[in-house]
C-alpha atoms as a PDB file:
ATOM      1  CA  MET A   1       0.068   0.005  -0.005  1.00  0.00           C
ATOM      2  CA  ARG A   2       2.867   2.361   0.905  1.00  0.00           C
ATOM      3  CA  MET A   3       4.472   1.781  -2.491  1.00  0.00           C
ATOM      4  CA  ALA A   4       1.221   2.450  -4.298  1.00  0.00           C
ATOM      5  CA  CYS A   5       0.754   5.622  -2.386  1.00  0.00           C
ATOM      6  CA  THR A   6       4.329   6.717  -3.224  1.00  0.00           C
ATOM      7  CA  LEU A   7       3.824   5.775  -6.849  1.00  0.00           C
ATOM      8  CA  ALA A   8       0.644   7.832  -6.881  1.00  0.00           C
ATOM      9  CA  GLY A   9       2.371  10.811  -5.136  1.00  0.00           C
ATOM     10  CA  VAL A  10       5.120  10.695  -7.976  1.00  0.00           C
ATOM     11  CA  VAL A  11       2.518  10.675 -10.650  1.00  0.00           C
ATOM     12  CA  LEU A  12       0.341  13.375  -9.132  1.00  0.00           C
ATOM     13  CA  SER A  13       3.504  15.503  -8.607  1.00  0.00           C
ATOM     14  CA  GLY A  14       4.409  15.070 -12.226  1.00  0.00           C
ATOM     15  CA  VAL A  15       0.862  16.043 -13.415  1.00  0.00           C
ATOM     16  CA  VAL A  16       1.034  19.177 -11.254  1.00  0.00           C
ATOM     17  CA  SER A  17       4.241  19.966 -12.485  1.00  0.00           C
ATOM     18  CA  GLY A  18       3.257  19.579 -16.169  1.00  0.00           C
ATOM     19  CA  VAL A  19       0.077  21.706 -15.459  1.00  0.00           C
ATOM     20  CA  ALA A  20       2.214  24.425 -13.880  1.00  0.00           C
ATOM     21  CA  LEU A  21       4.610  24.247 -16.698  1.00  0.00           C
ATOM     22  CA  ALA A  22       1.798  24.573 -19.229  1.00  0.00           C
ATOM     23  CA  GLN A  23       0.427  27.631 -17.612  1.00  0.00           C
ATOM     24  CA  ALA A  24       3.716  29.342 -17.175  1.00  0.00           C
ATOM     25  CA  PRO A  25       3.867  32.380 -19.211  1.00  0.00           C
ATOM     26  CA  MET A  26       5.977  32.056 -22.314  1.00  0.00           C
ATOM     27  CA  GLY A  27       8.244  34.788 -23.460  1.00  0.00           C
ATOM     28  CA  PRO A  28       7.803  36.574 -26.890  1.00  0.00           C
ATOM     29  CA  PRO A  29       8.443  34.546 -29.895  1.00  0.00           C
ATOM     30  CA  PRO A  30      11.905  35.024 -31.180  1.00  0.00           C
ATOM     31  CA  VAL A  31      12.506  37.877 -33.749  1.00  0.00           C
ATOM     32  CA  PRO A  32      12.721  36.455 -37.047  1.00  0.00           C
ATOM     33  CA  GLU A  33      15.997  37.268 -38.956  1.00  0.00           C
ATOM     34  CA  PRO A  34      15.429  39.215 -42.142  1.00  0.00           C
ATOM     35  CA  ALA A  35      17.102  36.724 -44.414  1.00  0.00           C
ATOM     36  CA  GLY A  36      15.099  33.925 -42.991  1.00  0.00           C
ATOM     37  CA  GLU A  37      11.828  35.749 -43.512  1.00  0.00           C
ATOM     38  CA  VAL A  38      12.558  36.381 -47.294  1.00  0.00           C
ATOM     39  CA  GLN A  39      13.615  32.820 -47.642  1.00  0.00           C
ATOM     40  CA  ARG A  40      10.562  31.366 -46.085  1.00  0.00           C
ATOM     41  CA  SER A  41       8.185  33.706 -48.151  1.00  0.00           C
ATOM     42  CA  TYR A  42      10.078  32.832 -51.440  1.00  0.00           C
ATOM     43  CA  ALA A  43       9.720  29.092 -50.497  1.00  0.00           C
ATOM     44  CA  ALA A  44       6.043  29.300 -50.068  1.00  0.00           C
ATOM     45  CA  GLN A  45       5.617  31.063 -53.364  1.00  0.00           C
ATOM     46  CA  LYS A  46       7.807  28.635 -55.114  1.00  0.00           C
ATOM     47  CA  ASP A  47       5.634  25.700 -53.984  1.00  0.00           C
ATOM     48  CA  ASN A  48       2.534  27.507 -55.063  1.00  0.00           C
ATOM     49  CA  LEU A  49       3.709  28.432 -58.329  1.00  0.00           C
ATOM     50  CA  LEU A  50       4.987  24.995 -59.345  1.00  0.00           C
ATOM     51  CA  LYS A  51       1.930  23.436 -58.138  1.00  0.00           C
ATOM     52  CA  THR A  52      -0.109  25.841 -60.319  1.00  0.00           C
ATOM     53  CA  ALA A  53       1.786  25.097 -63.405  1.00  0.00           C
ATOM     54  CA  GLU A  54       1.310  21.409 -62.808  1.00  0.00           C
ATOM     55  CA  ILE A  55      -2.382  21.504 -62.039  1.00  0.00           C
ATOM     56  CA  MET A  56      -3.201  23.388 -65.417  1.00  0.00           C
ATOM     57  CA  PRO A  57      -3.761  20.724 -68.137  1.00  0.00           C
ATOM     58  CA  ALA A  58      -1.390  20.971 -71.004  1.00  0.00           C
ATOM     59  CA  ASP A  59      -4.215  21.702 -73.479  1.00  0.00           C
ATOM     60  CA  LEU A  60      -5.263  24.803 -71.402  1.00  0.00           C
ATOM     61  CA  TYR A  61      -1.709  26.556 -71.351  1.00  0.00           C
ATOM     62  CA  GLN A  62      -2.976  28.687 -74.381  1.00  0.00           C
ATOM     63  CA  TYR A  63      -6.108  29.525 -72.603  1.00  0.00           C
ATOM     64  CA  LYS A  64      -6.763  33.291 -71.831  1.00  0.00           C
ATOM     65  CA  PRO A  65     -10.041  34.470 -70.214  1.00  0.00           C
ATOM     66  CA  THR A  66     -10.491  37.235 -72.797  1.00  0.00           C
ATOM     67  CA  PRO A  67      -8.790  38.167 -76.013  1.00  0.00           C
ATOM     68  CA  GLU A  68      -7.127  41.231 -74.380  1.00  0.00           C
ATOM     69  CA  VAL A  69      -5.202  39.441 -71.693  1.00  0.00           C
ATOM     70  CA  ARG A  70      -2.145  37.015 -71.684  1.00  0.00           C
ATOM     71  CA  THR A  71      -2.370  33.222 -72.002  1.00  0.00           C
ATOM     72  CA  PHE A  72      -1.721  31.176 -68.932  1.00  0.00           C
ATOM     73  CA  ALA A  73       1.703  30.105 -70.592  1.00  0.00           C
ATOM     74  CA  ARG A  74       2.527  33.846 -71.016  1.00  0.00           C
ATOM     75  CA  VAL A  75       1.919  34.458 -67.364  1.00  0.00           C
ATOM     76  CA  VAL A  76       4.067  31.424 -66.390  1.00  0.00           C
ATOM     77  CA  ASN A  77       6.868  32.525 -68.742  1.00  0.00           C
ATOM     78  CA  HIS A  78       6.557  36.173 -67.342  1.00  0.00           C
ATOM     79  CA  VAL A  79       7.323  34.594 -63.784  1.00  0.00           C
ATOM     80  CA  THR A  80      10.328  32.835 -65.307  1.00  0.00           C
ATOM     81  CA  GLU A  81      11.620  36.013 -67.005  1.00  0.00           C
ATOM     82  CA  ALA A  82      11.312  38.142 -63.860  1.00  0.00           C
ATOM     83  CA  GLN A  83      12.931  35.564 -61.731  1.00  0.00           C
ATOM     84  CA  VAL A  84      15.861  35.081 -64.069  1.00  0.00           C
ATOM     85  CA  ARG A  85      16.339  38.881 -64.003  1.00  0.00           C
ATOM     86  CA  ALA A  86      16.085  39.374 -60.322  1.00  0.00           C
ATOM     87  CA  CYS A  87      17.912  36.346 -59.129  1.00  0.00           C
ATOM     88  CA  GLY A  88      20.560  36.505 -61.926  1.00  0.00           C
ATOM     89  CA  THR A  89      21.305  40.062 -60.723  1.00  0.00           C
ATOM     90  CA  VAL A  90      21.553  38.776 -57.193  1.00  0.00           C
ATOM     91  CA  ASN A  91      23.801  36.010 -58.294  1.00  0.00           C
ATOM     92  CA  GLY A  92      25.901  38.250 -60.359  1.00  0.00           C
ATOM     93  CA  THR A  93      25.138  36.417 -63.569  1.00  0.00           C
ATOM     94  CA  PRO A  94      25.738  38.727 -66.657  1.00  0.00           C
ATOM     95  CA  PRO A  95      22.545  39.356 -68.580  1.00  0.00           C
ATOM     96  CA  ALA A  96      24.000  37.592 -71.685  1.00  0.00           C
ATOM     97  CA  GLU A  97      24.709  34.378 -69.741  1.00  0.00           C
ATOM     98  CA  ARG A  98      21.225  34.023 -68.289  1.00  0.00           C
ATOM     99  CA  MET A  99      18.770  31.272 -69.436  1.00  0.00           C
ATOM    100  CA  LYS A 100      16.386  32.192 -72.142  1.00  0.00           C
ATOM    101  CA  THR A 101      12.591  31.798 -71.467  1.00  0.00           C
ATOM    102  CA  PRO A 102      10.737  29.199 -73.717  1.00  0.00           C
ATOM    103  CA  ALA A 103       8.336  30.513 -76.274  1.00  0.00           C
ATOM    104  CA  ASP A 104       4.780  31.312 -74.999  1.00  0.00           C
ATOM    105  CA  THR A 105       3.596  28.772 -77.699  1.00  0.00           C
ATOM    106  CA  ALA A 106       5.995  26.010 -76.447  1.00  0.00           C
ATOM    107  CA  ASP A 107       4.403  22.966 -74.820  1.00  0.00           C
ATOM    108  CA  LYS A 108       3.603  22.584 -71.051  1.00  0.00           C
ATOM    109  CA  ALA A 109       6.668  20.448 -70.430  1.00  0.00           C
ATOM    110  CA  THR A 110       8.962  22.951 -71.883  1.00  0.00           C
ATOM    111  CA  ILE A 111       7.380  25.818 -70.122  1.00  0.00           C
ATOM    112  CA  VAL A 112       7.410  24.118 -66.731  1.00  0.00           C
ATOM    113  CA  ALA A 113      11.042  23.133 -67.232  1.00  0.00           C
ATOM    114  CA  GLY A 114      11.886  26.927 -67.857  1.00  0.00           C
ATOM    115  CA  LEU A 115       9.952  27.746 -64.681  1.00  0.00           C
ATOM    116  CA  LYS A 116      11.853  25.122 -62.689  1.00  0.00           C
ATOM    117  CA  ALA A 117      15.199  26.339 -64.012  1.00  0.00           C
ATOM    118  CA  SER A 118      14.276  30.016 -63.010  1.00  0.00           C
ATOM    119  CA  PHE A 119      13.640  28.639 -59.538  1.00  0.00           C
ATOM    120  CA  ALA A 120      16.999  26.987 -59.506  1.00  0.00           C
ATOM    121  CA  GLU A 121      18.558  30.380 -60.127  1.00  0.00           C
ATOM    122  CA  CYS A 122      16.528  31.841 -57.328  1.00  0.00           C
ATOM    123  CA  ASP A 123      17.390  29.086 -55.103  1.00  0.00           C
ATOM    124  CA  LYS A 124      20.930  30.174 -55.368  1.00  0.00           C
ATOM    125  CA  ALA A 125      20.203  33.727 -54.827  1.00  0.00           C
ATOM    126  CA  TYR A 126      18.003  33.199 -51.708  1.00  0.00           C
ATOM    127  CA  GLY A 127      20.276  30.465 -50.407  1.00  0.00           C
ATOM    128  CA  SER A 128      23.287  32.824 -50.452  1.00  0.00           C
ATOM    129  CA  THR A 129      21.464  35.580 -48.670  1.00  0.00           C
ATOM    130  CA  THR A 130      22.361  36.095 -45.121  1.00  0.00           C
ATOM    131  CA  ASP A 131      21.701  38.986 -42.679  1.00  0.00           C
ATOM    132  CA  ALA A 132      25.082  40.275 -43.119  1.00  0.00           C
ATOM    133  CA  ASN A 133      24.663  40.635 -46.985  1.00  0.00           C
ATOM    134  CA  PHE A 134      20.914  41.669 -47.020  1.00  0.00           C
ATOM    135  CA  THR A 135      21.519  45.320 -47.441  1.00  0.00           C
ATOM    136  CA  GLU A 136      24.402  44.934 -50.041  1.00  0.00           C
ATOM    137  CA  LEU A 137      23.974  47.257 -52.949  1.00  0.00           C
ATOM    138  CA  LEU A 138      23.513  45.622 -56.454  1.00  0.00           C
ATOM    139  CA  SER A 139      23.556  47.231 -59.964  1.00  0.00           C
ATOM    140  CA  ILE A 140      20.425  46.729 -61.785  1.00  0.00           C
ATOM    141  CA  GLY A 141      21.168  48.441 -65.151  1.00  0.00           C
ATOM    142  CA  PRO A 142      21.891  52.074 -64.327  1.00  0.00           C
ATOM    143  CA  ALA A 143      20.117  51.771 -60.982  1.00  0.00           C
ATOM    144  CA  LYS A 144      21.153  50.579 -57.525  1.00  0.00           C
ATOM    145  CA  ARG A 145      19.098  48.228 -55.360  1.00  0.00           C
ATOM    146  CA  THR A 146      19.674  46.364 -52.173  1.00  0.00           C
ATOM    147  CA  ARG A 147      19.678  42.570 -52.167  1.00  0.00           C
ATOM    148  CA  ALA A 148      16.717  42.783 -49.893  1.00  0.00           C
ATOM    149  CA  GLY A 149      14.785  44.994 -52.183  1.00  0.00           C
ATOM    150  CA  ALA A 150      15.508  42.753 -55.206  1.00  0.00           C
ATOM    151  CA  LEU A 151      14.556  39.505 -53.304  1.00  0.00           C
ATOM    152  CA  TRP A 152      11.341  41.086 -51.666  1.00  0.00           C
ATOM    153  CA  GLY A 153      10.555  42.479 -55.016  1.00  0.00           C
ATOM    154  CA  ASN A 154      10.711  39.016 -56.573  1.00  0.00           C
ATOM    155  CA  VAL A 155       8.468  37.554 -53.742  1.00  0.00           C
ATOM    156  CA  SER A 156       5.932  40.417 -54.257  1.00  0.00           C
ATOM    157  CA  HIS A 157       5.865  39.743 -58.003  1.00  0.00           C
ATOM    158  CA  ASP A 158       5.568  36.059 -57.722  1.00  0.00           C
ATOM    159  CA  ASN A 159       2.654  36.574 -55.260  1.00  0.00           C
ATOM    160  CA  GLU A 160       0.924  38.951 -57.840  1.00  0.00           C
ATOM    161  CA  GLN A 161       1.447  36.374 -60.660  1.00  0.00           C
ATOM    162  CA  TYR A 162       0.221  33.404 -58.539  1.00  0.00           C
ATOM    163  CA  SER A 163      -2.957  35.473 -57.801  1.00  0.00           C
ATOM    164  CA  ALA A 164      -3.473  35.882 -61.625  1.00  0.00           C
ATOM    165  CA  LEU A 165      -2.730  32.196 -62.392  1.00  0.00           C
ATOM    166  CA  SER A 166      -5.146  31.093 -59.591  1.00  0.00           C
ATOM    167  CA  MET A 167      -7.953  33.063 -61.336  1.00  0.00           C
ATOM    168  CA  TYR A 168      -7.081  31.115 -64.606  1.00  0.00           C
ATOM    169  CA  LEU A 169      -7.424  27.867 -62.824  1.00  0.00           C
ATOM    170  CA  ARG A 170     -10.653  28.782 -61.038  1.00  0.00           C
ATOM    171  CA  LEU A 171     -12.114  29.882 -64.534  1.00  0.00           C
ATOM    172  CA  LYS A 172     -11.495  26.435 -65.637  1.00  0.00           C
ATOM    173  CA  GLY A 173     -13.021  24.771 -62.464  1.00  0.00           C
ATOM    174  CA  LEU A 174      -9.728  23.939 -60.971  1.00  0.00           C
ATOM    175  CA  ALA A 175      -8.720  24.700 -57.311  1.00  0.00           C
ATOM    176  CA  PRO A 176      -5.407  26.695 -56.785  1.00  0.00           C
ATOM    177  CA  PRO A 177      -2.882  25.043 -54.553  1.00  0.00           C
ATOM    178  CA  THR A 178      -3.629  27.398 -51.557  1.00  0.00           C
ATOM    179  CA  SER A 179      -7.250  26.386 -51.747  1.00  0.00           C
ATOM    180  CA  GLU A 180      -6.716  22.619 -51.795  1.00  0.00           C
ATOM    181  CA  LYS A 181      -7.548  21.017 -48.431  1.00  0.00           C
END
């Protein structure tokens, strides 16, 4: 009986301690580092854009909601072009040495391969970004821009284009990646 009481006391003590710890006030969450924030945002957009490009059937890559707007393929290629420009600049790749974007009339596989190649360029740019070099000045043509500005600008642009591509999917009765669940 005494051993059972001692064992019960130990268990009860552990439960009380666990409850006390669970109720103990936690400090504020750690402040995220600037390079980590832009890298996480980029990774989320990368995943969304790649899934969007995969979801759209190949026969709808030339789809455009009205005659005045771009085709789905053109929007995907626009993302590719913008990423190659922004991330190529961050990586120090001269414009003449940057990859060429596929034709807007290319097949889905070719356009998706181009998008993936632009993400490979961006993976290097975001992966080489640290808090120490985040404010480094880069030459973009005749202008100067920080690495932070170039990378956040790319994330913002990717987000804008994901929104447009999501609309194309919805018009065809398909759910965008961020709506799947």
